[in-house]
């Protein structure tokens, strides 16, 4: 099928899915949603388990490290008078 035919088929399926959802036929709408995802190549992302390393907060992100010889700056101490403006 050509890309134009695929696009028209996807648009027709999306309209049919919207109509099924408006008629409260959620089983048909879900089946159409899965078919649309399959045609788009996204079928693996709808249901299923996350790949290893994708579960949890930031587990798939690289660990950031500060540059060599970097020193954390001192926090100002607001309880002493050295940080206050002179009156």
N, C-alpha and C. Protein backbone atom coordinates (compact mmCIF):
# COMPACT_ATOMS: atom_id res chain seq x y z
N UNK A 1 0.84 -1.18 0.00
CA UNK A 1 0.00 0.00 0.00
C UNK A 1 0.88 1.24 0.00
N UNK A 2 0.40 2.27 -0.64
CA UNK A 2 1.15 3.52 -0.68
C UNK A 2 0.97 4.27 0.65
N UNK A 3 1.80 5.25 0.85
CA UNK A 3 1.73 6.02 2.09
C UNK A 3 0.42 6.80 2.16
N UNK A 4 -0.09 7.24 1.01
CA UNK A 4 -1.36 7.96 1.00
C UNK A 4 -2.51 7.02 1.41
N UNK A 5 -2.47 5.79 0.90
CA UNK A 5 -3.51 4.81 1.27
C UNK A 5 -3.42 4.46 2.75
N UNK A 6 -2.19 4.35 3.26
CA UNK A 6 -2.02 4.07 4.69
C UNK A 6 -2.56 5.21 5.53
N UNK A 7 -2.29 6.44 5.12
CA UNK A 7 -2.77 7.60 5.85
C UNK A 7 -4.30 7.65 5.85
N UNK A 8 -4.90 7.39 4.70
CA UNK A 8 -6.36 7.39 4.61
C UNK A 8 -6.95 6.29 5.47
N UNK A 9 -6.31 5.13 5.49
CA UNK A 9 -6.80 4.01 6.33
C UNK A 9 -6.70 4.38 7.80
N UNK A 10 -5.59 5.00 8.20
CA UNK A 10 -5.43 5.41 9.59
C UNK A 10 -6.48 6.45 9.98
N UNK A 11 -6.73 7.40 9.10
CA UNK A 11 -7.73 8.42 9.39
C UNK A 11 -9.11 7.81 9.51
N UNK A 12 -9.43 6.85 8.63
CA UNK A 12 -10.74 6.19 8.70
C UNK A 12 -10.87 5.39 10.00
N UNK A 13 -9.79 4.71 10.39
CA UNK A 13 -9.83 3.94 11.63
C UNK A 13 -9.97 4.87 12.85
N UNK A 14 -9.29 6.02 12.83
CA UNK A 14 -9.42 6.97 13.93
C UNK A 14 -10.83 7.52 14.05
N UNK A 15 -11.47 7.82 12.90
CA UNK A 15 -12.85 8.30 12.93
C UNK A 15 -13.77 7.21 13.47
N UNK A 16 -13.53 5.97 13.03
CA UNK A 16 -14.36 4.85 13.50
C UNK A 16 -14.15 4.63 15.00
N UNK A 17 -12.90 4.80 15.47
CA UNK A 17 -12.61 4.64 16.89
C UNK A 17 -13.31 5.73 17.70
N UNK A 18 -13.28 6.97 17.21
CA UNK A 18 -13.96 8.06 17.90
C UNK A 18 -15.47 7.84 17.95
N UNK A 19 -16.02 7.34 16.84
CA UNK A 19 -17.46 7.06 16.82
C UNK A 19 -17.82 5.95 17.79
N UNK A 20 -16.98 4.91 17.88
CA UNK A 20 -17.25 3.82 18.81
C UNK A 20 -17.16 4.30 20.25
N UNK A 21 -16.21 5.16 20.54
CA UNK A 21 -16.09 5.70 21.89
C UNK A 21 -17.27 6.60 22.23
N UNK A 22 -17.75 7.37 21.25
CA UNK A 22 -18.91 8.23 21.48
C UNK A 22 -20.17 7.41 21.73
N UNK A 23 -20.24 6.21 21.14
CA UNK A 23 -21.38 5.32 21.35
C UNK A 23 -21.19 4.41 22.57
N UNK A 24 -20.13 4.67 23.34
CA UNK A 24 -19.81 3.89 24.55
C UNK A 24 -19.52 2.43 24.24
N UNK A 25 -19.01 2.15 23.05
CA UNK A 25 -18.58 0.80 22.69
C UNK A 25 -17.06 0.76 22.84
N UNK A 26 -16.64 0.66 24.12
CA UNK A 26 -15.23 0.81 24.42
C UNK A 26 -14.40 -0.39 23.99
N UNK A 27 -15.01 -1.56 23.91
CA UNK A 27 -14.26 -2.74 23.44
C UNK A 27 -13.86 -2.56 21.97
N UNK A 28 -14.80 -2.08 21.17
CA UNK A 28 -14.50 -1.85 19.76
C UNK A 28 -13.49 -0.71 19.61
N UNK A 29 -13.63 0.34 20.43
CA UNK A 29 -12.69 1.46 20.37
C UNK A 29 -11.29 1.01 20.75
N UNK A 30 -11.18 0.13 21.75
CA UNK A 30 -9.86 -0.36 22.17
C UNK A 30 -9.25 -1.24 21.08
N UNK A 31 -10.07 -2.06 20.44
CA UNK A 31 -9.55 -2.90 19.35
C UNK A 31 -9.07 -2.03 18.18
N UNK A 32 -9.81 -0.98 17.88
CA UNK A 32 -9.39 -0.07 16.82
C UNK A 32 -8.12 0.69 17.20
N UNK A 33 -8.02 1.08 18.47
CA UNK A 33 -6.81 1.74 18.94
C UNK A 33 -5.59 0.84 18.77
N UNK A 34 -5.76 -0.44 19.11
CA UNK A 34 -4.66 -1.39 18.96
C UNK A 34 -4.30 -1.59 17.49
N UNK A 35 -5.30 -1.61 16.64
CA UNK A 35 -5.05 -1.76 15.20
C UNK A 35 -4.31 -0.54 14.65
N UNK A 36 -4.70 0.65 15.10
CA UNK A 36 -4.01 1.87 14.67
C UNK A 36 -2.56 1.85 15.13
N UNK A 37 -2.35 1.45 16.36
CA UNK A 37 -0.97 1.38 16.89
C UNK A 37 -0.16 0.35 16.12
N UNK A 38 -0.76 -0.77 15.76
CA UNK A 38 -0.05 -1.79 15.01
C UNK A 38 0.35 -1.27 13.64
N UNK A 39 -0.56 -0.54 12.99
CA UNK A 39 -0.25 0.01 11.68
C UNK A 39 0.83 1.09 11.75
N UNK A 40 0.86 1.83 12.85
CA UNK A 40 1.88 2.87 13.02
C UNK A 40 3.21 2.28 13.48
N UNK A 41 3.19 1.02 13.89
CA UNK A 41 4.42 0.40 14.38
C UNK A 41 4.67 0.65 15.85
N UNK A 42 3.64 1.04 16.58
CA UNK A 42 3.76 1.35 18.00
C UNK A 42 3.08 0.29 18.87
N UNK A 43 2.81 -0.86 18.33
CA UNK A 43 2.01 -1.85 19.06
C UNK A 43 2.70 -2.36 20.31
N UNK A 44 4.02 -2.37 20.34
CA UNK A 44 4.70 -2.88 21.52
C UNK A 44 4.56 -1.95 22.71
N UNK A 45 4.34 -0.66 22.47
CA UNK A 45 4.29 0.30 23.55
C UNK A 45 2.95 0.41 24.24
N UNK A 46 1.90 -0.21 23.72
CA UNK A 46 0.58 -0.07 24.33
C UNK A 46 0.47 -0.93 25.58
N UNK A 47 0.67 -2.21 25.41
CA UNK A 47 0.59 -3.13 26.53
C UNK A 47 1.92 -3.85 26.64
N UNK A 48 2.18 -4.36 27.79
CA UNK A 48 3.41 -5.11 27.97
C UNK A 48 4.23 -4.48 29.07
N UNK A 49 5.33 -5.08 29.29
CA UNK A 49 6.19 -4.65 30.37
C UNK A 49 7.23 -3.67 29.86
N UNK A 50 7.65 -2.81 30.74
CA UNK A 50 8.71 -1.87 30.38
C UNK A 50 10.02 -2.63 30.27
N UNK A 51 10.88 -2.24 29.35
CA UNK A 51 12.17 -2.92 29.24
C UNK A 51 13.01 -2.70 30.50
N UNK A 52 13.95 -3.57 30.78
CA UNK A 52 14.79 -3.39 31.97
C UNK A 52 15.49 -2.04 31.95
N UNK A 53 15.55 -1.42 33.09
CA UNK A 53 16.17 -0.11 33.19
C UNK A 53 15.19 1.03 33.00
N UNK A 54 13.97 0.75 32.60
CA UNK A 54 12.97 1.78 32.40
C UNK A 54 12.07 1.94 33.62
N UNK A 55 12.18 1.03 34.58
CA UNK A 55 11.30 1.06 35.74
C UNK A 55 12.00 1.83 36.85
N UNK A 56 11.30 2.70 37.51
CA UNK A 56 11.87 3.47 38.61
C UNK A 56 12.23 4.87 38.17
N UNK A 57 12.66 5.64 39.11
CA UNK A 57 12.97 7.03 38.83
C UNK A 57 14.41 7.17 38.36
N UNK A 58 14.58 7.57 37.13
CA UNK A 58 15.89 7.89 36.62
C UNK A 58 16.83 6.72 36.40
N UNK A 59 16.32 5.51 36.38
CA UNK A 59 17.22 4.37 36.24
C UNK A 59 17.76 4.24 34.83
N UNK A 60 17.11 4.86 33.86
CA UNK A 60 17.60 4.77 32.49
C UNK A 60 18.44 5.99 32.11
N UNK A 61 18.66 6.89 33.06
CA UNK A 61 19.41 8.10 32.79
C UNK A 61 20.87 7.91 33.18
N UNK A 62 21.79 8.47 32.42
CA UNK A 62 23.20 8.36 32.81
C UNK A 62 23.45 9.16 34.09
N UNK A 63 24.41 8.71 34.86
CA UNK A 63 24.75 9.39 36.11
C UNK A 63 25.60 10.61 35.78
N UNK A 64 25.20 11.74 36.30
CA UNK A 64 25.95 12.97 36.07
C UNK A 64 26.99 13.13 37.16
N UNK A 65 28.17 13.50 36.78
CA UNK A 65 29.25 13.73 37.73
C UNK A 65 29.79 15.13 37.52
N UNK A 66 30.19 15.79 38.60
CA UNK A 66 30.77 17.13 38.43
C UNK A 66 32.15 17.03 37.80
N UNK A 67 32.63 18.13 37.22
CA UNK A 67 33.97 18.11 36.62
C UNK A 67 35.04 17.86 37.68
N UNK A 68 36.21 17.41 37.22
CA UNK A 68 37.31 17.18 38.15
C UNK A 68 37.70 18.49 38.82
N UNK A 69 38.12 18.38 40.07
CA UNK A 69 38.57 19.51 40.89
C UNK A 69 37.46 20.51 41.18
N UNK A 70 36.21 20.12 41.01
CA UNK A 70 35.09 21.00 41.31
C UNK A 70 34.83 20.96 42.80
N UNK A 71 34.64 22.10 43.40
CA UNK A 71 34.38 22.19 44.84
C UNK A 71 33.00 22.80 45.02
N UNK A 72 32.21 22.16 45.84
CA UNK A 72 30.87 22.65 46.10
C UNK A 72 30.95 23.98 46.84
N UNK A 73 30.23 25.01 46.38
CA UNK A 73 30.31 26.31 47.04
C UNK A 73 29.67 26.28 48.42
N UNK A 74 30.15 27.16 49.29
CA UNK A 74 29.61 27.24 50.64
C UNK A 74 28.22 27.86 50.59
N UNK A 75 27.34 27.36 51.41
CA UNK A 75 26.02 27.96 51.53
C UNK A 75 26.11 29.14 52.49
N UNK A 76 25.40 30.21 52.18
CA UNK A 76 25.44 31.34 53.12
C UNK A 76 24.69 30.99 54.40
N UNK A 77 25.19 31.47 55.51
CA UNK A 77 24.54 31.23 56.80
C UNK A 77 23.73 32.47 57.14
N UNK A 78 22.45 32.37 57.06
CA UNK A 78 21.57 33.51 57.27
C UNK A 78 21.34 33.82 58.75
N UNK A 79 21.86 32.98 59.63
CA UNK A 79 21.65 33.21 61.05
C UNK A 79 22.73 34.10 61.66
N UNK A 80 23.76 34.37 60.94
CA UNK A 80 24.79 35.27 61.46
C UNK A 80 24.68 36.60 60.76
N UNK A 81 25.24 37.63 61.38
CA UNK A 81 25.08 38.99 60.88
C UNK A 81 25.97 39.33 59.71
N UNK A 82 26.87 38.46 59.30
CA UNK A 82 27.79 38.81 58.23
C UNK A 82 27.08 38.93 56.90
N UNK A 83 25.95 38.31 56.74
CA UNK A 83 25.23 38.33 55.46
C UNK A 83 24.20 39.44 55.39
N UNK A 84 23.96 40.14 56.54
CA UNK A 84 22.94 41.18 56.57
C UNK A 84 23.53 42.51 56.10
N UNK A 85 22.66 43.33 55.55
CA UNK A 85 23.09 44.67 55.16
C UNK A 85 23.26 45.53 56.40
N UNK A 86 24.24 46.38 56.37
CA UNK A 86 24.43 47.30 57.49
C UNK A 86 23.42 48.43 57.39
N UNK A 87 22.91 48.82 58.54
CA UNK A 87 21.88 49.88 58.56
C UNK A 87 22.48 51.22 58.69
